[in-house]
C-alpha cells in the first residue's frame, strides 16, 4: 500500500466531520476501532476538539491538516 503516512490524517478528518455532522454511530464505531487497532490510540482528544462545533467551524482546520499531510486538493471558495 502506498502513502500509508496519509491514513491517520484522512481518518482524523473523517472522524471530525462525522462528529460535527450527522454523527453516524456505525461510522464512529468503525473509526474508533481503526484508531485503536492501527495506531494503538483512542479518539478522546478528537472528540473533545469537535465538541460543540459544526462543520463550518472545523473545516479550515481540517483543510489545513490535509494540506500539510496529504496531496488532497480542495477547491478554493
N, C-alpha and C. Protein backbone atom coordinates (compact mmCIF):
# COMPACT_ATOMS: atom_id res chain seq x y z
N UNK A 1 0.84 -1.18 0.00
CA UNK A 1 0.00 0.00 0.00
C UNK A 1 0.89 1.24 0.00
N UNK A 2 0.57 2.17 -0.83
CA UNK A 2 1.38 3.38 -0.94
C UNK A 2 0.82 4.50 -0.07
N UNK A 3 1.68 5.41 0.30
CA UNK A 3 1.29 6.62 1.03
C UNK A 3 0.51 6.34 2.30
N UNK A 4 0.93 5.34 3.03
CA UNK A 4 0.23 4.99 4.26
C UNK A 4 0.40 6.07 5.33
N UNK A 5 1.37 6.96 5.17
CA UNK A 5 1.55 8.03 6.15
C UNK A 5 0.38 9.01 6.14
N UNK A 6 -0.42 8.99 5.09
CA UNK A 6 -1.58 9.88 4.99
C UNK A 6 -2.81 9.34 5.71
N UNK A 7 -2.80 8.09 6.05
CA UNK A 7 -4.00 7.44 6.59
C UNK A 7 -4.50 8.11 7.86
N UNK A 8 -3.62 8.40 8.80
CA UNK A 8 -4.06 8.98 10.07
C UNK A 8 -4.73 10.33 9.87
N UNK A 9 -4.18 11.16 9.01
CA UNK A 9 -4.78 12.47 8.74
C UNK A 9 -6.14 12.33 8.07
N UNK A 10 -6.24 11.43 7.13
CA UNK A 10 -7.51 11.22 6.44
C UNK A 10 -8.58 10.68 7.39
N UNK A 11 -8.21 9.73 8.23
CA UNK A 11 -9.16 9.18 9.20
C UNK A 11 -9.55 10.23 10.24
N UNK A 12 -8.60 11.06 10.62
CA UNK A 12 -8.89 12.15 11.56
C UNK A 12 -9.92 13.10 10.97
N UNK A 13 -9.74 13.47 9.71
CA UNK A 13 -10.69 14.35 9.04
C UNK A 13 -12.08 13.72 8.98
N UNK A 14 -12.13 12.46 8.63
CA UNK A 14 -13.43 11.77 8.56
C UNK A 14 -14.10 11.70 9.94
N UNK A 15 -13.32 11.40 10.96
CA UNK A 15 -13.87 11.32 12.31
C UNK A 15 -14.45 12.67 12.73
N UNK A 16 -13.68 13.73 12.52
CA UNK A 16 -14.14 15.07 12.91
C UNK A 16 -15.38 15.50 12.13
N UNK A 17 -15.39 15.24 10.84
CA UNK A 17 -16.56 15.59 10.04
C UNK A 17 -17.79 14.82 10.50
N UNK A 18 -17.62 13.57 10.83
CA UNK A 18 -18.74 12.77 11.32
C UNK A 18 -19.24 13.31 12.66
N UNK A 19 -18.34 13.73 13.54
CA UNK A 19 -18.73 14.25 14.85
C UNK A 19 -19.47 15.58 14.75
N UNK A 20 -19.15 16.37 13.75
CA UNK A 20 -19.78 17.69 13.62
C UNK A 20 -21.00 17.66 12.73
N UNK A 21 -21.28 16.52 12.12
CA UNK A 21 -22.42 16.40 11.22
C UNK A 21 -23.51 15.53 11.80
N UNK A 22 -23.81 14.49 11.09
CA UNK A 22 -24.90 13.60 11.48
C UNK A 22 -24.52 12.64 12.60
N UNK A 23 -23.24 12.49 12.85
CA UNK A 23 -22.73 11.60 13.89
C UNK A 23 -23.30 10.18 13.74
N UNK A 24 -23.02 9.60 12.60
CA UNK A 24 -23.44 8.22 12.33
C UNK A 24 -22.69 7.29 13.27
N UNK A 25 -23.41 6.58 14.11
CA UNK A 25 -22.80 5.73 15.13
C UNK A 25 -22.00 4.56 14.54
N UNK A 26 -22.42 4.05 13.39
CA UNK A 26 -21.66 2.98 12.74
C UNK A 26 -20.30 3.48 12.26
N UNK A 27 -20.29 4.68 11.68
CA UNK A 27 -19.03 5.27 11.23
C UNK A 27 -18.13 5.54 12.43
N UNK A 28 -18.70 6.09 13.49
CA UNK A 28 -17.93 6.35 14.70
C UNK A 28 -17.31 5.07 15.24
N UNK A 29 -18.08 4.02 15.31
CA UNK A 29 -17.59 2.74 15.83
C UNK A 29 -16.43 2.21 14.98
N UNK A 30 -16.58 2.26 13.67
CA UNK A 30 -15.53 1.78 12.77
C UNK A 30 -14.26 2.62 12.91
N UNK A 31 -14.41 3.93 12.96
CA UNK A 31 -13.24 4.79 13.09
C UNK A 31 -12.54 4.62 14.43
N UNK A 32 -13.30 4.50 15.52
CA UNK A 32 -12.69 4.26 16.82
C UNK A 32 -11.91 2.95 16.83
N UNK A 33 -12.50 1.93 16.25
CA UNK A 33 -11.82 0.63 16.15
C UNK A 33 -10.53 0.77 15.34
N UNK A 34 -10.61 1.49 14.23
CA UNK A 34 -9.45 1.66 13.35
C UNK A 34 -8.32 2.39 14.07
N UNK A 35 -8.64 3.50 14.76
CA UNK A 35 -7.60 4.21 15.51
C UNK A 35 -6.97 3.32 16.55
N UNK A 36 -7.79 2.53 17.23
CA UNK A 36 -7.27 1.65 18.26
C UNK A 36 -6.39 0.55 17.69
N UNK A 37 -6.85 -0.13 16.66
CA UNK A 37 -6.12 -1.28 16.10
C UNK A 37 -4.89 -0.88 15.29
N UNK A 38 -5.01 0.14 14.47
CA UNK A 38 -3.90 0.51 13.59
C UNK A 38 -2.88 1.40 14.30
N UNK A 39 -3.36 2.38 15.06
CA UNK A 39 -2.45 3.36 15.66
C UNK A 39 -2.27 3.18 17.16
N UNK A 40 -2.97 2.22 17.75
CA UNK A 40 -2.90 1.96 19.19
C UNK A 40 -3.18 3.23 19.99
N UNK A 41 -4.20 3.98 19.57
CA UNK A 41 -4.60 5.19 20.28
C UNK A 41 -6.13 5.30 20.25
N UNK A 42 -6.65 6.22 21.05
CA UNK A 42 -8.10 6.39 21.06
C UNK A 42 -8.48 7.75 20.46
N UNK A 43 -9.76 8.01 20.42
CA UNK A 43 -10.26 9.22 19.78
C UNK A 43 -10.76 10.26 20.79
N UNK A 44 -10.39 10.12 22.05
CA UNK A 44 -10.90 11.03 23.08
C UNK A 44 -10.56 12.49 22.79
N UNK A 45 -9.32 12.77 22.41
CA UNK A 45 -8.93 14.16 22.12
C UNK A 45 -9.66 14.70 20.90
N UNK A 46 -9.85 13.86 19.90
CA UNK A 46 -10.59 14.31 18.72
C UNK A 46 -12.03 14.64 19.09
N UNK A 47 -12.62 13.83 19.94
CA UNK A 47 -13.99 14.08 20.37
C UNK A 47 -14.07 15.42 21.10
N UNK A 48 -13.11 15.71 21.97
CA UNK A 48 -13.10 16.99 22.69
C UNK A 48 -12.92 18.17 21.74
N UNK A 49 -12.06 18.02 20.75
CA UNK A 49 -11.82 19.08 19.78
C UNK A 49 -13.09 19.41 19.00
N UNK A 50 -13.90 18.40 18.73
CA UNK A 50 -15.10 18.57 17.91
C UNK A 50 -16.32 18.98 18.71
N UNK A 51 -16.25 18.85 20.00
CA UNK A 51 -17.40 19.08 20.87
C UNK A 51 -17.94 20.51 20.70
N UNK A 52 -19.22 20.61 20.39
CA UNK A 52 -19.88 21.90 20.26
C UNK A 52 -19.57 22.67 19.00
N UNK A 53 -18.90 22.04 18.05
CA UNK A 53 -18.54 22.72 16.81
C UNK A 53 -19.32 22.13 15.65
N UNK A 54 -19.53 22.94 14.63
CA UNK A 54 -20.19 22.44 13.43
C UNK A 54 -19.18 22.35 12.29
N UNK A 55 -19.62 21.83 11.18
CA UNK A 55 -18.73 21.59 10.04
C UNK A 55 -18.07 22.89 9.58
N UNK A 56 -18.86 23.95 9.51
CA UNK A 56 -18.33 25.23 9.04
C UNK A 56 -17.18 25.72 9.94
N UNK A 57 -17.32 25.50 11.24
CA UNK A 57 -16.29 25.93 12.18
C UNK A 57 -15.00 25.14 12.05
N UNK A 58 -15.12 23.86 11.78
CA UNK A 58 -13.94 22.99 11.84
C UNK A 58 -13.26 22.77 10.48
N UNK A 59 -13.93 23.10 9.39
CA UNK A 59 -13.37 22.84 8.06
C UNK A 59 -12.03 23.53 7.81
N UNK A 60 -11.81 24.78 8.24
CA UNK A 60 -10.48 25.38 7.99
C UNK A 60 -9.35 24.56 8.62
N UNK A 61 -9.57 24.02 9.80
CA UNK A 61 -8.54 23.22 10.46
C UNK A 61 -8.35 21.88 9.75
N UNK A 62 -9.44 21.29 9.30
CA UNK A 62 -9.35 20.02 8.57
C UNK A 62 -8.61 20.22 7.25
N UNK A 63 -8.95 21.29 6.54
CA UNK A 63 -8.28 21.58 5.27
C UNK A 63 -6.79 21.81 5.51
N UNK A 64 -6.44 22.55 6.56
CA UNK A 64 -5.03 22.78 6.87
C UNK A 64 -4.30 21.47 7.16
N UNK A 65 -4.91 20.61 7.97
CA UNK A 65 -4.33 19.31 8.29
C UNK A 65 -4.09 18.50 7.01
N UNK A 66 -5.09 18.46 6.15
CA UNK A 66 -4.97 17.67 4.94
C UNK A 66 -3.97 18.27 3.95
N UNK A 67 -3.88 19.59 3.90
CA UNK A 67 -2.89 20.23 3.04
C UNK A 67 -1.48 19.91 3.49
N UNK A 68 -1.27 19.84 4.81
CA UNK A 68 0.06 19.58 5.34
C UNK A 68 0.48 18.12 5.21
N UNK A 69 -0.48 17.22 5.34
CA UNK A 69 -0.15 15.79 5.43
C UNK A 69 -0.52 14.96 4.21
N UNK A 70 -1.29 15.52 3.29
CA UNK A 70 -1.72 14.76 2.12
C UNK A 70 -1.58 15.61 0.86
N UNK A 71 -1.90 15.02 -0.24
CA UNK A 71 -1.90 15.75 -1.51
C UNK A 71 -3.32 16.02 -1.98
N UNK A 72 -4.29 15.85 -1.09
CA UNK A 72 -5.68 16.12 -1.40
C UNK A 72 -5.86 17.62 -1.67
N UNK A 73 -6.57 17.95 -2.74
CA UNK A 73 -6.76 19.33 -3.13
C UNK A 73 -8.22 19.72 -2.93
N UNK A 74 -8.43 20.85 -2.28
CA UNK A 74 -9.77 21.40 -2.10
C UNK A 74 -9.93 22.59 -3.01
N UNK A 75 -11.13 22.74 -3.55
CA UNK A 75 -11.43 23.93 -4.36
C UNK A 75 -11.49 25.13 -3.44
N UNK A 76 -10.84 26.19 -3.84
CA UNK A 76 -10.88 27.42 -3.05
C UNK A 76 -12.22 28.10 -3.29
N UNK A 77 -12.82 28.59 -2.22
CA UNK A 77 -14.13 29.25 -2.32
C UNK A 77 -13.95 30.72 -2.45
